[in-house]
Amino acid sequence: MVFFEAPHRLEVMLRSLHQVFGPERRGCVARELTKLHEEVVRGSLQELLDWAEAAEIRGEIAVVVGGAPADAPARAEDHVAAVSELMSRGIRLKDAVAGRPSAE
């Protein structure tokens, strides 16, 4: 996955990626590509988050996140099963997808 992010939002984005994909997922932050001060930082999402917290980030940012390892659980299928289970209990699709387990 490739994202373009503003430097002032990079830390928040990396924190979100860390929470969703886990700290060990590999990634890369590329700054000022094709320019004089080009910088590429590679590592786990935890390492990239630590770097972003400690650095003053400027310039154009591209973030690349590696794919899930082959042995990773099928998260999408888990979510589909959870939504199906909520719907079987009478929860509307809209509420089940939003994670609201009680009918309104």
N, C-alpha and C. Protein backbone atom coordinates (compact mmCIF):
# COMPACT_ATOMS: atom_id res chain seq x y z
N MET A 1 0.84 -1.16 0.00
CA MET A 1 0.00 0.00 0.00
C MET A 1 0.89 1.23 0.00
N VAL A 2 0.50 2.22 -0.76
CA VAL A 2 1.26 3.46 -0.84
C VAL A 2 0.33 4.60 -0.47
N PHE A 3 0.80 5.46 0.43
CA PHE A 3 0.04 6.62 0.88
C PHE A 3 0.89 7.87 0.73
N PHE A 4 0.25 8.97 0.46
CA PHE A 4 0.91 10.26 0.49
C PHE A 4 0.32 11.01 1.67
N GLU A 5 1.18 11.56 2.53
CA GLU A 5 0.71 12.17 3.77
C GLU A 5 1.42 13.49 4.01
N ALA A 6 0.73 14.38 4.66
CA ALA A 6 1.33 15.66 5.06
C ALA A 6 2.26 15.41 6.24
N PRO A 7 3.38 16.11 6.31
CA PRO A 7 4.34 15.86 7.39
C PRO A 7 3.76 16.06 8.79
N HIS A 8 2.85 17.01 8.95
CA HIS A 8 2.29 17.25 10.29
C HIS A 8 1.29 16.17 10.72
N ARG A 9 0.89 15.31 9.79
CA ARG A 9 -0.03 14.21 10.14
C ARG A 9 0.65 12.85 10.13
N LEU A 10 1.94 12.80 9.82
CA LEU A 10 2.63 11.52 9.66
C LEU A 10 2.61 10.68 10.93
N GLU A 11 2.90 11.29 12.07
CA GLU A 11 2.95 10.53 13.32
C GLU A 11 1.60 9.88 13.64
N VAL A 12 0.52 10.63 13.46
CA VAL A 12 -0.82 10.09 13.73
C VAL A 12 -1.13 8.95 12.76
N MET A 13 -0.74 9.12 11.50
CA MET A 13 -0.98 8.07 10.52
C MET A 13 -0.22 6.81 10.87
N LEU A 14 1.07 6.96 11.21
CA LEU A 14 1.86 5.79 11.58
C LEU A 14 1.32 5.10 12.82
N ARG A 15 0.80 5.87 13.76
CA ARG A 15 0.20 5.29 14.96
C ARG A 15 -1.03 4.46 14.58
N SER A 16 -1.84 4.97 13.66
CA SER A 16 -3.02 4.24 13.21
C SER A 16 -2.63 2.97 12.47
N LEU A 17 -1.64 3.07 11.58
CA LEU A 17 -1.17 1.88 10.87
C LEU A 17 -0.63 0.84 11.85
N HIS A 18 0.09 1.31 12.86
CA HIS A 18 0.65 0.44 13.90
C HIS A 18 -0.47 -0.31 14.62
N GLN A 19 -1.55 0.40 14.95
CA GLN A 19 -2.67 -0.22 15.67
C GLN A 19 -3.40 -1.22 14.79
N VAL A 20 -3.59 -0.89 13.52
CA VAL A 20 -4.38 -1.75 12.63
C VAL A 20 -3.59 -2.95 12.14
N PHE A 21 -2.34 -2.73 11.71
CA PHE A 21 -1.55 -3.79 11.09
C PHE A 21 -0.56 -4.45 12.03
N GLY A 22 -0.36 -3.86 13.20
CA GLY A 22 0.57 -4.44 14.17
C GLY A 22 1.95 -3.83 14.07
N PRO A 23 2.70 -3.90 15.17
CA PRO A 23 4.00 -3.22 15.23
C PRO A 23 5.08 -3.85 14.35
N GLU A 24 4.92 -5.11 13.97
CA GLU A 24 5.97 -5.79 13.22
C GLU A 24 5.83 -5.66 11.71
N ARG A 25 4.69 -5.14 11.23
CA ARG A 25 4.51 -4.98 9.77
C ARG A 25 5.60 -4.07 9.24
N ARG A 26 6.19 -4.43 8.13
CA ARG A 26 7.28 -3.65 7.53
C ARG A 26 6.73 -2.47 6.76
N GLY A 27 7.51 -1.40 6.74
CA GLY A 27 7.09 -0.21 6.02
C GLY A 27 8.28 0.66 5.66
N CYS A 28 7.97 1.76 5.03
CA CYS A 28 8.99 2.70 4.58
C CYS A 28 8.37 4.09 4.55
N VAL A 29 9.12 5.07 5.02
CA VAL A 29 8.73 6.47 4.88
C VAL A 29 9.77 7.11 3.97
N ALA A 30 9.31 7.66 2.87
CA ALA A 30 10.20 8.33 1.92
C ALA A 30 9.86 9.82 1.92
N ARG A 31 10.89 10.62 2.06
CA ARG A 31 10.70 12.05 2.18
C ARG A 31 11.47 12.75 1.07
N GLU A 32 10.83 13.73 0.44
CA GLU A 32 11.49 14.54 -0.57
C GLU A 32 12.11 13.70 -1.69
N LEU A 33 11.35 12.74 -2.19
CA LEU A 33 11.87 11.88 -3.26
C LEU A 33 12.28 12.71 -4.48
N THR A 34 13.36 12.32 -5.08
CA THR A 34 13.97 12.95 -6.27
C THR A 34 14.48 14.36 -6.01
N LYS A 35 14.64 14.73 -4.77
CA LYS A 35 15.12 16.08 -4.44
C LYS A 35 16.45 15.99 -3.70
N LEU A 36 17.06 17.13 -3.47
CA LEU A 36 18.39 17.19 -2.86
C LEU A 36 18.43 16.53 -1.48
N HIS A 37 17.40 16.71 -0.68
CA HIS A 37 17.38 16.19 0.70
C HIS A 37 16.55 14.92 0.83
N GLU A 38 16.58 14.10 -0.21
CA GLU A 38 15.83 12.84 -0.20
C GLU A 38 16.25 11.98 0.99
N GLU A 39 15.26 11.38 1.63
CA GLU A 39 15.52 10.50 2.78
C GLU A 39 14.55 9.33 2.72
N VAL A 40 15.05 8.13 2.95
CA VAL A 40 14.22 6.93 2.97
C VAL A 40 14.52 6.19 4.27
N VAL A 41 13.48 5.95 5.05
CA VAL A 41 13.62 5.24 6.32
C VAL A 41 12.78 3.97 6.22
N ARG A 42 13.43 2.83 6.45
CA ARG A 42 12.75 1.53 6.38
C ARG A 42 12.78 0.87 7.75
N GLY A 43 11.74 0.10 8.04
CA GLY A 43 11.71 -0.63 9.29
C GLY A 43 10.32 -1.14 9.58
N SER A 44 10.15 -1.64 10.79
CA SER A 44 8.82 -2.08 11.23
C SER A 44 7.99 -0.82 11.49
N LEU A 45 6.68 -0.98 11.56
CA LEU A 45 5.84 0.17 11.87
C LEU A 45 6.19 0.75 13.24
N GLN A 46 6.62 -0.09 14.17
CA GLN A 46 7.05 0.40 15.48
C GLN A 46 8.30 1.28 15.33
N GLU A 47 9.26 0.81 14.54
CA GLU A 47 10.48 1.59 14.34
C GLU A 47 10.20 2.91 13.61
N LEU A 48 9.30 2.87 12.64
CA LEU A 48 8.95 4.09 11.92
C LEU A 48 8.22 5.07 12.82
N LEU A 49 7.35 4.56 13.68
CA LEU A 49 6.64 5.42 14.62
C LEU A 49 7.63 6.05 15.60
N ASP A 50 8.55 5.27 16.12
CA ASP A 50 9.57 5.82 17.03
C ASP A 50 10.38 6.91 16.33
N TRP A 51 10.76 6.68 15.08
CA TRP A 51 11.52 7.66 14.31
C TRP A 51 10.72 8.95 14.13
N ALA A 52 9.43 8.81 13.77
CA ALA A 52 8.59 9.99 13.52
C ALA A 52 8.37 10.79 14.80
N GLU A 53 8.26 10.10 15.94
CA GLU A 53 8.07 10.81 17.21
C GLU A 53 9.31 11.62 17.59
N ALA A 54 10.47 11.16 17.19
CA ALA A 54 11.72 11.82 17.57
C ALA A 54 12.20 12.84 16.55
N ALA A 55 11.70 12.79 15.34
CA ALA A 55 12.21 13.65 14.27
C ALA A 55 11.27 14.81 13.99
N GLU A 56 11.83 15.86 13.44
CA GLU A 56 11.02 16.97 12.93
C GLU A 56 10.88 16.72 11.43
N ILE A 57 9.71 16.28 11.01
CA ILE A 57 9.49 15.86 9.64
C ILE A 57 9.03 17.05 8.80
N ARG A 58 9.66 17.20 7.66
CA ARG A 58 9.27 18.23 6.70
C ARG A 58 9.28 17.64 5.31
N GLY A 59 8.60 18.32 4.41
CA GLY A 59 8.64 17.94 3.01
C GLY A 59 7.51 17.04 2.59
N GLU A 60 7.61 16.57 1.35
CA GLU A 60 6.61 15.67 0.79
C GLU A 60 6.89 14.25 1.29
N ILE A 61 5.84 13.58 1.75
CA ILE A 61 6.00 12.27 2.38
C ILE A 61 5.23 11.22 1.60
N ALA A 62 5.89 10.10 1.36
CA ALA A 62 5.24 8.89 0.83
C ALA A 62 5.47 7.78 1.85
N VAL A 63 4.42 7.05 2.16
CA VAL A 63 4.51 5.94 3.11
C VAL A 63 4.14 4.67 2.36
N VAL A 64 4.99 3.67 2.47
CA VAL A 64 4.74 2.37 1.84
C VAL A 64 4.62 1.35 2.96
N VAL A 65 3.53 0.57 2.94
CA VAL A 65 3.31 -0.46 3.95
C VAL A 65 3.32 -1.81 3.25
N GLY A 66 4.14 -2.71 3.77
CA GLY A 66 4.24 -4.05 3.19
C GLY A 66 2.96 -4.85 3.37
N GLY A 67 2.81 -5.85 2.56
CA GLY A 67 1.65 -6.73 2.65
C GLY A 67 1.72 -7.62 3.89
N ALA A 68 0.60 -8.23 4.19
CA ALA A 68 0.53 -9.12 5.35
C ALA A 68 1.34 -10.38 5.06
N PRO A 69 1.99 -10.92 6.09
CA PRO A 69 2.70 -12.18 5.89
C PRO A 69 1.73 -13.30 5.52
N ALA A 70 2.24 -14.30 4.84
CA ALA A 70 1.41 -15.41 4.36
C ALA A 70 0.68 -16.13 5.50
N ASP A 71 1.28 -16.15 6.69
CA ASP A 71 0.67 -16.87 7.80
C ASP A 71 -0.24 -15.99 8.67
N ALA A 72 -0.51 -14.75 8.22
CA ALA A 72 -1.37 -13.84 8.99
C ALA A 72 -2.82 -14.33 8.93
N PRO A 73 -3.57 -14.13 10.00
CA PRO A 73 -4.98 -14.54 9.98
C PRO A 73 -5.77 -13.74 8.96
N ALA A 74 -6.79 -14.33 8.42
CA ALA A 74 -7.63 -13.66 7.43
C ALA A 74 -8.58 -12.70 8.15
N ARG A 75 -8.12 -11.50 8.40
CA ARG A 75 -8.89 -10.53 9.17
C ARG A 75 -10.20 -10.14 8.50
N ALA A 76 -10.21 -9.98 7.20
CA ALA A 76 -11.44 -9.59 6.50
C ALA A 76 -12.52 -10.63 6.74
N GLU A 77 -12.13 -11.90 6.69
CA GLU A 77 -13.10 -12.97 6.92
C GLU A 77 -13.62 -12.94 8.36
N ASP A 78 -12.78 -12.57 9.30
CA ASP A 78 -13.21 -12.44 10.69
C ASP A 78 -14.27 -11.35 10.82
N HIS A 79 -14.06 -10.24 10.13
CA HIS A 79 -15.02 -9.13 10.19
C HIS A 79 -16.35 -9.51 9.53
N VAL A 80 -16.28 -10.20 8.42
CA VAL A 80 -17.50 -10.65 7.75
C VAL A 80 -18.28 -11.58 8.66
N ALA A 81 -17.58 -12.49 9.33
CA ALA A 81 -18.25 -13.42 10.25
C ALA A 81 -18.90 -12.67 11.42
N ALA A 82 -18.21 -11.65 11.93
CA ALA A 82 -18.76 -10.88 13.05
C ALA A 82 -20.01 -10.12 12.62
N VAL A 83 -19.98 -9.53 11.45
CA VAL A 83 -21.15 -8.79 10.94
C VAL A 83 -22.31 -9.77 10.69
N SER A 84 -22.01 -10.90 10.11
CA SER A 84 -23.06 -11.91 9.86
C SER A 84 -23.70 -12.36 11.17
N GLU A 85 -22.89 -12.55 12.19
CA GLU A 85 -23.41 -12.99 13.49
C GLU A 85 -24.33 -11.92 14.08
N LEU A 86 -23.94 -10.65 13.99
CA LEU A 86 -24.79 -9.57 14.50
C LEU A 86 -26.10 -9.50 13.72
N MET A 87 -26.02 -9.65 12.41
CA MET A 87 -27.24 -9.60 11.60
C MET A 87 -28.17 -10.77 11.92
N SER A 88 -27.60 -11.93 12.26
CA SER A 88 -28.44 -13.08 12.61
C SER A 88 -29.20 -12.83 13.91
N ARG A 89 -28.71 -11.89 14.72
CA ARG A 89 -29.39 -11.52 15.97
C ARG A 89 -30.38 -10.36 15.76
N GLY A 90 -30.59 -9.97 14.48
CA GLY A 90 -31.57 -8.94 14.18
C GLY A 90 -31.01 -7.53 14.08
N ILE A 91 -29.72 -7.39 14.09
CA ILE A 91 -29.10 -6.07 13.96
C ILE A 91 -29.09 -5.68 12.49
N ARG A 92 -29.45 -4.42 12.20
CA ARG A 92 -29.42 -3.94 10.81
C ARG A 92 -27.99 -3.97 10.28
N LEU A 93 -27.85 -4.19 8.98
CA LEU A 93 -26.53 -4.24 8.34
C LEU A 93 -25.71 -3.00 8.66
N LYS A 94 -26.32 -1.83 8.53
CA LYS A 94 -25.61 -0.57 8.78
C LYS A 94 -25.03 -0.53 10.20
N ASP A 95 -25.82 -0.96 11.18
CA ASP A 95 -25.35 -0.97 12.57
C ASP A 95 -24.32 -2.06 12.82
N ALA A 96 -24.49 -3.21 12.20
CA ALA A 96 -23.55 -4.32 12.37
C ALA A 96 -22.17 -3.93 11.81
N VAL A 97 -22.15 -3.30 10.65
CA VAL A 97 -20.89 -2.89 10.04
C VAL A 97 -20.20 -1.81 10.90
N ALA A 98 -21.00 -0.93 11.48
CA ALA A 98 -20.45 0.15 12.32
C ALA A 98 -20.03 -0.35 13.68
N GLY A 99 -20.33 -1.61 13.99
CA GLY A 99 -19.93 -2.16 15.29
C GLY A 99 -20.88 -1.81 16.42
N ARG A 100 -22.10 -1.43 16.06
CA ARG A 100 -23.11 -1.15 17.08
C ARG A 100 -23.93 -2.42 17.29
N PRO A 101 -23.65 -3.16 18.37
CA PRO A 101 -24.24 -4.48 18.55
C PRO A 101 -25.70 -4.50 18.99
N SER A 102 -26.29 -3.36 19.28
CA SER A 102 -27.69 -3.40 19.72
C SER A 102 -28.59 -2.68 18.71
N ALA A 103 -29.74 -3.24 18.47
CA ALA A 103 -30.68 -2.64 17.54
C ALA A 103 -31.22 -1.34 18.13
N GLU A 104 -31.43 -0.38 17.24
CA GLU A 104 -31.96 0.92 17.72
C GLU A 104 -33.42 1.04 17.40
